Amino acid sequence: LHGETRDSARVLVMEFINDNKLKNEKVLIIHGI
């Protein structure tokens, strides 16, 4: 998520979780410092 705004990150994370939830996998979310 480097370079994303809070609003765009919120949408991207939700889509990412939804895409990977069906696979029941662990995921890695990189947000920076």
Full PDB file with SEQRES, HELIX, SHEET, SSBOND, CRYST1, ORIGX, SCALE, CONECT and MASTER records, all heavy atoms in Angstrom:
SEQRES   1 A   33  LEU HIS GLY GLU THR ARG ASP SER ALA ARG VAL LEU VAL          
SEQRES   2 A   33  MET GLU PHE ILE ASN ASP ASN LYS LEU LYS ASN GLU LYS          
SEQRES   3 A   33  VAL LEU ILE ILE HIS GLY ILE                                  
HELIX    1 AA1 ARG A    6  LYS A   21  1                                  16    
CRYST1    1.000    1.000    1.000  90.00  90.00  90.00 P 1           1          
ORIGX1      1.000000  0.000000  0.000000        0.00000                         
ORIGX2      0.000000  1.000000  0.000000        0.00000                         
ORIGX3      0.000000  0.000000  1.000000        0.00000                         
SCALE1      1.000000  0.000000  0.000000        0.00000                         
SCALE2      0.000000  1.000000  0.000000        0.00000                         
SCALE3      0.000000  0.000000  1.000000        0.00000                         
ATOM      1  N   LEU A   1       0.806  -1.225   0.000  1.00  0.00           N  
ATOM      2  CA  LEU A   1       0.000   0.000   0.000  1.00  0.00           C  
ATOM      3  C   LEU A   1       0.839   1.274   0.000  1.00  0.00           C  
ATOM      4  O   LEU A   1       0.285   2.360   0.168  1.00  0.00           O  
ATOM      5  CB  LEU A   1      -0.929  -0.003   1.220  1.00  0.00           C  
ATOM      6  CG  LEU A   1      -1.890  -1.177   1.299  1.00  0.00           C  
ATOM      7  CD1 LEU A   1      -2.628  -1.170   2.633  1.00  0.00           C  
ATOM      8  CD2 LEU A   1      -2.863  -1.161   0.132  1.00  0.00           C  
ATOM      9  N   HIS A   2       2.139   1.155  -0.177  1.00  0.00           N  
ATOM     10  CA  HIS A   2       2.989   2.352  -0.212  1.00  0.00           C  
ATOM     11  C   HIS A   2       2.463   3.346  -1.248  1.00  0.00           C  
ATOM     12  O   HIS A   2       2.149   2.973  -2.373  1.00  0.00           O  
ATOM     13  CB  HIS A   2       4.430   1.982  -0.575  1.00  0.00           C  
ATOM     14  CG  HIS A   2       5.178   1.363   0.551  1.00  0.00           C  
ATOM     15  ND1 HIS A   2       5.310   0.009   0.670  1.00  0.00           N  
ATOM     16  CD2 HIS A   2       5.828   1.924   1.596  1.00  0.00           C  
ATOM     17  CE1 HIS A   2       6.020  -0.248   1.748  1.00  0.00           C  
ATOM     18  NE2 HIS A   2       6.343   0.893   2.336  1.00  0.00           N  
ATOM     19  N   GLY A   3       2.322   4.585  -0.848  1.00  0.00           N  
ATOM     20  CA  GLY A   3       1.894   5.637  -1.761  1.00  0.00           C  
ATOM     21  C   GLY A   3       0.385   5.787  -1.889  1.00  0.00           C  
ATOM     22  O   GLY A   3      -0.088   6.696  -2.574  1.00  0.00           O  
ATOM     23  N   GLU A   4      -0.368   4.893  -1.261  1.00  0.00           N  
ATOM     24  CA  GLU A   4      -1.835   4.983  -1.348  1.00  0.00           C  
ATOM     25  C   GLU A   4      -2.375   5.952  -0.299  1.00  0.00           C  
ATOM     26  O   GLU A   4      -1.755   6.181   0.727  1.00  0.00           O  
ATOM     27  CB  GLU A   4      -2.467   3.603  -1.121  1.00  0.00           C  
ATOM     28  CG  GLU A   4      -2.089   2.563  -2.143  1.00  0.00           C  
ATOM     29  CD  GLU A   4      -2.603   2.862  -3.533  1.00  0.00           C  
ATOM     30  OE1 GLU A   4      -3.585   3.624  -3.667  1.00  0.00           O  
ATOM     31  OE2 GLU A   4      -2.022   2.332  -4.493  1.00  0.00           O  
ATOM     32  N   THR A   5      -3.539   6.504  -0.563  1.00  0.00           N  
ATOM     33  CA  THR A   5      -4.226   7.314   0.436  1.00  0.00           C  
ATOM     34  C   THR A   5      -4.985   6.369   1.371  1.00  0.00           C  
ATOM     35  O   THR A   5      -5.149   5.186   1.072  1.00  0.00           O  
ATOM     36  CB  THR A   5      -5.242   8.275  -0.221  1.00  0.00           C  
ATOM     37  OG1 THR A   5      -6.275   7.490  -0.843  1.00  0.00           O  
ATOM     38  CG2 THR A   5      -4.575   9.177  -1.238  1.00  0.00           C  
ATOM     39  N   ARG A   6      -5.457   6.910   2.488  1.00  0.00           N  
ATOM     40  CA  ARG A   6      -6.225   6.074   3.407  1.00  0.00           C  
ATOM     41  C   ARG A   6      -7.487   5.538   2.745  1.00  0.00           C  
ATOM     42  O   ARG A   6      -7.850   4.378   2.939  1.00  0.00           O  
ATOM     43  CB  ARG A   6      -6.570   6.851   4.679  1.00  0.00           C  
ATOM     44  CG  ARG A   6      -5.355   7.053   5.565  1.00  0.00           C  
ATOM     45  CD  ARG A   6      -5.711   7.775   6.813  1.00  0.00           C  
ATOM     46  NE  ARG A   6      -5.929   9.194   6.476  1.00  0.00           N  
ATOM     47  CZ  ARG A   6      -6.249  10.121   7.343  1.00  0.00           C  
ATOM     48  NH1 ARG A   6      -6.412   9.819   8.612  1.00  0.00           N  
ATOM     49  NH2 ARG A   6      -6.410  11.367   6.961  1.00  0.00           N  
ATOM     50  N   ASP A   7      -8.149   6.368   1.958  1.00  0.00           N  
ATOM     51  CA  ASP A   7      -9.384   5.934   1.293  1.00  0.00           C  
ATOM     52  C   ASP A   7      -9.126   4.843   0.266  1.00  0.00           C  
ATOM     53  O   ASP A   7      -9.840   3.845   0.217  1.00  0.00           O  
ATOM     54  CB  ASP A   7     -10.091   7.118   0.637  1.00  0.00           C  
ATOM     55  CG  ASP A   7     -10.682   8.090   1.644  1.00  0.00           C  
ATOM     56  OD1 ASP A   7     -10.977   7.660   2.788  1.00  0.00           O  
ATOM     57  OD2 ASP A   7     -10.839   9.273   1.307  1.00  0.00           O  
ATOM     58  N   SER A   8      -8.110   5.033  -0.563  1.00  0.00           N  
ATOM     59  CA  SER A   8      -7.826   4.010  -1.578  1.00  0.00           C  
ATOM     60  C   SER A   8      -7.315   2.734  -0.926  1.00  0.00           C  
ATOM     61  O   SER A   8      -7.646   1.632  -1.368  1.00  0.00           O  
ATOM     62  CB  SER A   8      -6.838   4.524  -2.627  1.00  0.00           C  
ATOM     63  OG  SER A   8      -5.573   4.780  -2.065  1.00  0.00           O  
ATOM     64  N   ALA A   9      -6.527   2.850   0.148  1.00  0.00           N  
ATOM     65  CA  ALA A   9      -6.023   1.673   0.852  1.00  0.00           C  
ATOM     66  C   ALA A   9      -7.170   0.870   1.446  1.00  0.00           C  
ATOM     67  O   ALA A   9      -7.165  -0.364   1.395  1.00  0.00           O  
ATOM     68  CB  ALA A   9      -5.042   2.090   1.945  1.00  0.00           C  
ATOM     69  N   ARG A  10      -8.166   1.555   1.986  1.00  0.00           N  
ATOM     70  CA  ARG A  10      -9.322   0.877   2.569  1.00  0.00           C  
ATOM     71  C   ARG A  10     -10.014   0.009   1.511  1.00  0.00           C  
ATOM     72  O   ARG A  10     -10.326  -1.153   1.758  1.00  0.00           O  
ATOM     73  CB  ARG A  10     -10.304   1.902   3.135  1.00  0.00           C  
ATOM     74  CG  ARG A  10     -11.475   1.294   3.870  1.00  0.00           C  
ATOM     75  CD  ARG A  10     -12.451   2.339   4.426  1.00  0.00           C  
ATOM     76  NE  ARG A  10     -11.804   3.462   5.081  1.00  0.00           N  
ATOM     77  CZ  ARG A  10     -11.806   4.722   4.630  1.00  0.00           C  
ATOM     78  NH1 ARG A  10     -12.432   5.016   3.511  1.00  0.00           N  
ATOM     79  NH2 ARG A  10     -11.200   5.683   5.295  1.00  0.00           N  
ATOM     80  N   VAL A  11     -10.226   0.563   0.337  1.00  0.00           N  
ATOM     81  CA  VAL A  11     -10.885  -0.173  -0.742  1.00  0.00           C  
ATOM     82  C   VAL A  11     -10.003  -1.325  -1.222  1.00  0.00           C  
ATOM     83  O   VAL A  11     -10.480  -2.456  -1.392  1.00  0.00           O  
ATOM     84  CB  VAL A  11     -11.221   0.774  -1.921  1.00  0.00           C  
ATOM     85  CG1 VAL A  11     -11.712   0.000  -3.126  1.00  0.00           C  
ATOM     86  CG2 VAL A  11     -12.240   1.812  -1.488  1.00  0.00           C  
ATOM     87  N   LEU A  12      -8.721  -1.059  -1.422  1.00  0.00           N  
ATOM     88  CA  LEU A  12      -7.806  -2.093  -1.898  1.00  0.00           C  
ATOM     89  C   LEU A  12      -7.701  -3.254  -0.920  1.00  0.00           C  
ATOM     90  O   LEU A  12      -7.683  -4.423  -1.327  1.00  0.00           O  
ATOM     91  CB  LEU A  12      -6.419  -1.500  -2.152  1.00  0.00           C  
ATOM     92  CG  LEU A  12      -6.323  -0.544  -3.336  1.00  0.00           C  
ATOM     93  CD1 LEU A  12      -4.972   0.169  -3.336  1.00  0.00           C  
ATOM     94  CD2 LEU A  12      -6.539  -1.287  -4.643  1.00  0.00           C  
ATOM     95  N   VAL A  13      -7.639  -2.958   0.367  1.00  0.00           N  
ATOM     96  CA  VAL A  13      -7.536  -4.017   1.371  1.00  0.00           C  
ATOM     97  C   VAL A  13      -8.806  -4.857   1.396  1.00  0.00           C  
ATOM     98  O   VAL A  13      -8.748  -6.088   1.472  1.00  0.00           O  
ATOM     99  CB  VAL A  13      -7.219  -3.433   2.765  1.00  0.00           C  
ATOM    100  CG1 VAL A  13      -7.407  -4.471   3.858  1.00  0.00           C  
ATOM    101  CG2 VAL A  13      -5.800  -2.889   2.798  1.00  0.00           C  
ATOM    102  N   MET A  14      -9.952  -4.213   1.331  1.00  0.00           N  
ATOM    103  CA  MET A  14     -11.216  -4.960   1.327  1.00  0.00           C  
ATOM    104  C   MET A  14     -11.302  -5.888   0.114  1.00  0.00           C  
ATOM    105  O   MET A  14     -11.687  -7.052   0.239  1.00  0.00           O  
ATOM    106  CB  MET A  14     -12.410  -3.999   1.339  1.00  0.00           C  
ATOM    107  CG  MET A  14     -12.589  -3.267   2.647  1.00  0.00           C  
ATOM    108  SD  MET A  14     -12.796  -4.352   4.062  1.00  0.00           S  
ATOM    109  CE  MET A  14     -14.325  -5.150   3.627  1.00  0.00           C  
ATOM    110  N   GLU A  15     -10.929  -5.386  -1.057  1.00  0.00           N  
ATOM    111  CA  GLU A  15     -10.937  -6.216  -2.267  1.00  0.00           C  
ATOM    112  C   GLU A  15      -9.942  -7.365  -2.135  1.00  0.00           C  
ATOM    113  O   GLU A  15     -10.237  -8.502  -2.509  1.00  0.00           O  
ATOM    114  CB  GLU A  15     -10.607  -5.371  -3.492  1.00  0.00           C  
ATOM    115  CG  GLU A  15     -11.700  -4.406  -3.874  1.00  0.00           C  
ATOM    116  CD  GLU A  15     -11.306  -3.472  -5.008  1.00  0.00           C  
ATOM    117  OE1 GLU A  15     -10.124  -3.495  -5.433  1.00  0.00           O  
ATOM    118  OE2 GLU A  15     -12.167  -2.717  -5.460  1.00  0.00           O  
ATOM    119  N   PHE A  16      -8.774  -7.064  -1.595  1.00  0.00           N  
ATOM    120  CA  PHE A  16      -7.731  -8.071  -1.414  1.00  0.00           C  
ATOM    121  C   PHE A  16      -8.197  -9.171  -0.460  1.00  0.00           C  
ATOM    122  O   PHE A  16      -8.019 -10.356  -0.726  1.00  0.00           O  
ATOM    123  CB  PHE A  16      -6.469  -7.379  -0.886  1.00  0.00           C  
ATOM    124  CG  PHE A  16      -5.308  -8.292  -0.636  1.00  0.00           C  
ATOM    125  CD1 PHE A  16      -4.673  -8.927  -1.684  1.00  0.00           C  
ATOM    126  CD2 PHE A  16      -4.841  -8.484   0.649  1.00  0.00           C  
ATOM    127  CE1 PHE A  16      -3.594  -9.762  -1.452  1.00  0.00           C  
ATOM    128  CE2 PHE A  16      -3.764  -9.308   0.894  1.00  0.00           C  
ATOM    129  CZ  PHE A  16      -3.137  -9.950  -0.157  1.00  0.00           C  
ATOM    130  N   ILE A  17      -8.809  -8.788   0.637  1.00  0.00           N  
ATOM    131  CA  ILE A  17      -9.315  -9.772   1.598  1.00  0.00           C  
ATOM    132  C   ILE A  17     -10.421 -10.610   0.964  1.00  0.00           C  
ATOM    133  O   ILE A  17     -10.431 -11.837   1.085  1.00  0.00           O  
ATOM    134  CB  ILE A  17      -9.820  -9.080   2.873  1.00  0.00           C  
ATOM    135  CG1 ILE A  17      -8.622  -8.532   3.655  1.00  0.00           C  
ATOM    136  CG2 ILE A  17     -10.644 -10.033   3.736  1.00  0.00           C  
ATOM    137  CD1 ILE A  17      -8.988  -7.629   4.805  1.00  0.00           C  
ATOM    138  N   ASN A  18     -11.340  -9.962   0.269  1.00  0.00           N  
ATOM    139  CA  ASN A  18     -12.423 -10.699  -0.389  1.00  0.00           C  
ATOM    140  C   ASN A  18     -11.890 -11.685  -1.422  1.00  0.00           C  
ATOM    141  O   ASN A  18     -12.378 -12.803  -1.521  1.00  0.00           O  
ATOM    142  CB  ASN A  18     -13.421  -9.740  -1.038  1.00  0.00           C  
ATOM    143  CG  ASN A  18     -14.253  -9.005  -0.015  1.00  0.00           C  
ATOM    144  OD1 ASN A  18     -14.439  -9.467   1.103  1.00  0.00           O  
ATOM    145  ND2 ASN A  18     -14.735  -7.837  -0.391  1.00  0.00           N  
ATOM    146  N   ASP A  19     -10.886 -11.278  -2.180  1.00  0.00           N  
ATOM    147  CA  ASP A  19     -10.301 -12.156  -3.197  1.00  0.00           C  
ATOM    148  C   ASP A  19      -9.609 -13.360  -2.580  1.00  0.00           C  
ATOM    149  O   ASP A  19      -9.601 -14.444  -3.162  1.00  0.00           O  
ATOM    150  CB  ASP A  19      -9.287 -11.396  -4.060  1.00  0.00           C  
ATOM    151  CG  ASP A  19      -9.931 -10.377  -4.971  1.00  0.00           C  
ATOM    152  OD1 ASP A  19     -11.164 -10.416  -5.135  1.00  0.00           O  
ATOM    153  OD2 ASP A  19      -9.196  -9.525  -5.514  1.00  0.00           O  
ATOM    154  N   ASN A  20      -9.019 -13.193  -1.414  1.00  0.00           N  
ATOM    155  CA  ASN A  20      -8.239 -14.259  -0.801  1.00  0.00           C  
ATOM    156  C   ASN A  20      -8.988 -15.037   0.268  1.00  0.00           C  
ATOM    157  O   ASN A  20      -8.541 -16.100   0.678  1.00  0.00           O  
ATOM    158  CB  ASN A  20      -6.938 -13.704  -0.221  1.00  0.00           C  
ATOM    159  CG  ASN A  20      -5.966 -13.352  -1.315  1.00  0.00           C  
ATOM    160  OD1 ASN A  20      -5.358 -14.227  -1.907  1.00  0.00           O  
ATOM    161  ND2 ASN A  20      -5.851 -12.070  -1.621  1.00  0.00           N  
ATOM    162  N   LYS A  21     -10.128 -14.553   0.704  1.00  0.00           N  
ATOM    163  CA  LYS A  21     -10.893 -15.235   1.750  1.00  0.00           C  
ATOM    164  C   LYS A  21     -11.363 -16.606   1.280  1.00  0.00           C  
ATOM    165  O   LYS A  21     -11.350 -17.563   2.043  1.00  0.00           O  
ATOM    166  CB  LYS A  21     -12.084 -14.370   2.190  1.00  0.00           C  
ATOM    167  CG  LYS A  21     -12.896 -14.991   3.288  1.00  0.00           C  
ATOM    168  CD  LYS A  21     -12.065 -15.199   4.545  1.00  0.00           C  
ATOM    169  CE  LYS A  21     -12.925 -15.815   5.644  1.00  0.00           C  
ATOM    170  NZ  LYS A  21     -12.136 -16.275   6.756  1.00  0.00           N  
ATOM    171  N   LEU A  22     -11.752 -16.720   0.040  1.00  0.00           N  
ATOM    172  CA  LEU A  22     -12.223 -18.002  -0.478  1.00  0.00           C  
ATOM    173  C   LEU A  22     -11.129 -19.057  -0.436  1.00  0.00           C  
ATOM    174  O   LEU A  22     -11.411 -20.242  -0.294  1.00  0.00           O  
ATOM    175  CB  LEU A  22     -12.748 -17.842  -1.911  1.00  0.00           C  
ATOM    176  CG  LEU A  22     -13.977 -16.953  -2.070  1.00  0.00           C  
ATOM    177  CD1 LEU A  22     -14.330 -16.809  -3.538  1.00  0.00           C  
ATOM    178  CD2 LEU A  22     -15.146 -17.519  -1.283  1.00  0.00           C  
ATOM    179  N   LYS A  23      -9.891 -18.625  -0.543  1.00  0.00           N  
ATOM    180  CA  LYS A  23      -8.754 -19.549  -0.512  1.00  0.00           C  
ATOM    181  C   LYS A  23      -8.380 -19.909   0.920  1.00  0.00           C  
ATOM    182  O   LYS A  23      -7.593 -20.812   1.148  1.00  0.00           O  
ATOM    183  CB  LYS A  23      -7.552 -18.917  -1.215  1.00  0.00           C  
ATOM    184  CG  LYS A  23      -7.815 -18.574  -2.657  1.00  0.00           C  
ATOM    185  CD  LYS A  23      -6.658 -17.790  -3.223  1.00  0.00           C  
ATOM    186  CE  LYS A  23      -7.028 -17.192  -4.558  1.00  0.00           C  
ATOM    187  NZ  LYS A  23      -6.012 -16.242  -5.018  1.00  0.00           N  
ATOM    188  N   ASN A  24      -8.935 -19.179   1.893  1.00  0.00           N  
ATOM    189  CA  ASN A  24      -8.675 -19.397   3.318  1.00  0.00           C  
ATOM    190  C   ASN A  24      -7.172 -19.371   3.624  1.00  0.00           C  
ATOM    191  O   ASN A  24      -6.657 -20.222   4.345  1.00  0.00           O  
ATOM    192  CB  ASN A  24      -9.315 -20.704   3.797  1.00  0.00           C  
ATOM    193  CG  ASN A  24      -9.528 -20.699   5.289  1.00  0.00           C  
ATOM    194  OD1 ASN A  24      -9.612 -19.648   5.912  1.00  0.00           O  
ATOM    195  ND2 ASN A  24      -9.606 -21.874   5.868  1.00  0.00           N  
ATOM    196  N   GLU A  25      -6.486 -18.418   3.026  1.00  0.00           N  
ATOM    197  CA  GLU A  25      -5.040 -18.306   3.189  1.00  0.00           C  
ATOM    198  C   GLU A  25      -4.674 -17.126   4.069  1.00  0.00           C  
ATOM    199  O   GLU A  25      -5.434 -16.167   4.204  1.00  0.00           O  
ATOM    200  CB  GLU A  25      -4.372 -18.092   1.825  1.00  0.00           C  
ATOM    201  CG  GLU A  25      -4.460 -19.251   0.898  1.00  0.00           C  
ATOM    202  CD  GLU A  25      -3.676 -19.001  -0.378  1.00  0.00           C  
ATOM    203  OE1 GLU A  25      -2.928 -18.014  -0.455  1.00  0.00           O  
ATOM    204  OE2 GLU A  25      -3.815 -19.815  -1.298  1.00  0.00           O  
ATOM    205  N   LYS A  26      -3.483 -17.204   4.625  1.00  0.00           N  
ATOM    206  CA  LYS A  26      -2.912 -16.041   5.284  1.00  0.00           C  
ATOM    207  C   LYS A  26      -2.491 -15.078   4.192  1.00  0.00           C  
ATOM    208  O   LYS A  26      -2.148 -15.482   3.087  1.00  0.00           O  
ATOM    209  CB  LYS A  26      -1.685 -16.433   6.101  1.00  0.00           C  
ATOM    210  CG  LYS A  26      -2.004 -17.308   7.273  1.00  0.00           C  
ATOM    211  CD  LYS A  26      -0.743 -17.649   8.020  1.00  0.00           C  
ATOM    212  CE  LYS A  26      -1.067 -18.546   9.194  1.00  0.00           C  
ATOM    213  NZ  LYS A  26       0.145 -18.931   9.916  1.00  0.00           N  
ATOM    214  N   VAL A  27      -2.517 -13.795   4.507  1.00  0.00           N  
ATOM    215  CA  VAL A  27      -2.096 -12.771   3.554  1.00  0.00           C  
ATOM    216  C   VAL A  27      -1.151 -11.796   4.246  1.00  0.00           C  
ATOM    217  O   VAL A  27      -1.102 -11.733   5.474  1.00  0.00           O  
ATOM    218  CB  VAL A  27      -3.295 -12.006   2.955  1.00  0.00           C  
ATOM    219  CG1 VAL A  27      -4.190 -12.935   2.155  1.00  0.00           C  
ATOM    220  CG2 VAL A  27      -4.077 -11.288   4.025  1.00  0.00           C  
ATOM    221  N   LEU A  28      -0.433 -11.051   3.455  1.00  0.00           N  
ATOM    222  CA  LEU A  28       0.498 -10.051   3.960  1.00  0.00           C  
ATOM    223  C   LEU A  28       0.075  -8.690   3.428  1.00  0.00           C  
ATOM    224  O   LEU A  28      -0.073  -8.504   2.214  1.00  0.00           O  
ATOM    225  CB  LEU A  28       1.919 -10.378   3.501  1.00  0.00           C  
ATOM    226  CG  LEU A  28       3.022  -9.411   3.874  1.00  0.00           C  
ATOM    227  CD1 LEU A  28       3.190  -9.343   5.391  1.00  0.00           C  
ATOM    228  CD2 LEU A  28       4.326  -9.833   3.223  1.00  0.00           C  
ATOM    229  N   ILE A  29      -0.127  -7.741   4.344  1.00  0.00           N  
ATOM    230  CA  ILE A  29      -0.486  -6.378   3.964  1.00  0.00           C  
ATOM    231  C   ILE A  29       0.663  -5.473   4.369  1.00  0.00           C  
ATOM    232  O   ILE A  29       0.995  -5.373   5.549  1.00  0.00           O  
ATOM    233  CB  ILE A  29      -1.795  -5.929   4.644  1.00  0.00           C  
ATOM    234  CG1 ILE A  29      -2.940  -6.852   4.218  1.00  0.00           C  
ATOM    235  CG2 ILE A  29      -2.101  -4.476   4.304  1.00  0.00           C  
ATOM    236  CD1 ILE A  29      -4.229  -6.622   4.951  1.00  0.00           C  
ATOM    237  N   ILE A  30       1.275  -4.838   3.381  1.00  0.00           N  
ATOM    238  CA  ILE A  30       2.425  -3.959   3.615  1.00  0.00           C  
ATOM    239  C   ILE A  30       1.933  -2.527   3.567  1.00  0.00           C  
ATOM    240  O   ILE A  30       1.425  -2.077   2.543  1.00  0.00           O  
ATOM    241  CB  ILE A  30       3.512  -4.198   2.553  1.00  0.00           C  
ATOM    242  CG1 ILE A  30       3.925  -5.673   2.558  1.00  0.00           C  
ATOM    243  CG2 ILE A  30       4.707  -3.280   2.790  1.00  0.00           C  
ATOM    244  CD1 ILE A  30       4.692  -6.100   1.333  1.00  0.00           C  
ATOM    245  N   HIS A  31       2.072  -1.821   4.679  1.00  0.00           N  
ATOM    246  CA  HIS A  31       1.553  -0.458   4.736  1.00  0.00           C  
ATOM    247  C   HIS A  31       2.638   0.590   4.924  1.00  0.00           C  
ATOM    248  O   HIS A  31       2.372   1.770   4.823  1.00  0.00           O  
ATOM    249  CB  HIS A  31       0.494  -0.322   5.831  1.00  0.00           C  
ATOM    250  CG  HIS A  31       0.922  -0.840   7.166  1.00  0.00           C  
ATOM    251  ND1 HIS A  31       1.967  -0.325   7.877  1.00  0.00           N  
ATOM    252  CD2 HIS A  31       0.433  -1.859   7.891  1.00  0.00           C  
ATOM    253  CE1 HIS A  31       2.090  -0.997   9.001  1.00  0.00           C  
ATOM    254  NE2 HIS A  31       1.176  -1.951   9.029  1.00  0.00           N  
ATOM    255  N   GLY A  32       3.862   0.196   5.199  1.00  0.00           N  
ATOM    256  CA  GLY A  32       4.944   1.156   5.394  1.00  0.00           C  
ATOM    257  C   GLY A  32       4.903   1.788   6.770  1.00  0.00           C  
ATOM    258  O   GLY A  32       4.125   1.410   7.632  1.00  0.00           O  
ATOM    259  N   ILE A  33       5.759   2.763   6.975  1.00  0.00           N  
ATOM    260  CA  ILE A  33       5.869   3.400   8.284  1.00  0.00           C  
ATOM    261  C   ILE A  33       5.351   4.825   8.201  1.00  0.00           C  
ATOM    262  O   ILE A  33       4.275   5.130   8.659  1.00  0.00           O  
ATOM    263  CB  ILE A  33       7.324   3.365   8.794  1.00  0.00           C  
ATOM    264  CG1 ILE A  33       7.791   1.911   8.918  1.00  0.00           C  
ATOM    265  CG2 ILE A  33       7.436   4.067  10.126  1.00  0.00           C  
ATOM    266  CD1 ILE A  33       9.236   1.751   9.225  1.00  0.00           C  
TER     267      ILE A  33                                                      
MASTER        0    0    0    1    0    0    0    6  266    1    0    3          
END                                                                             
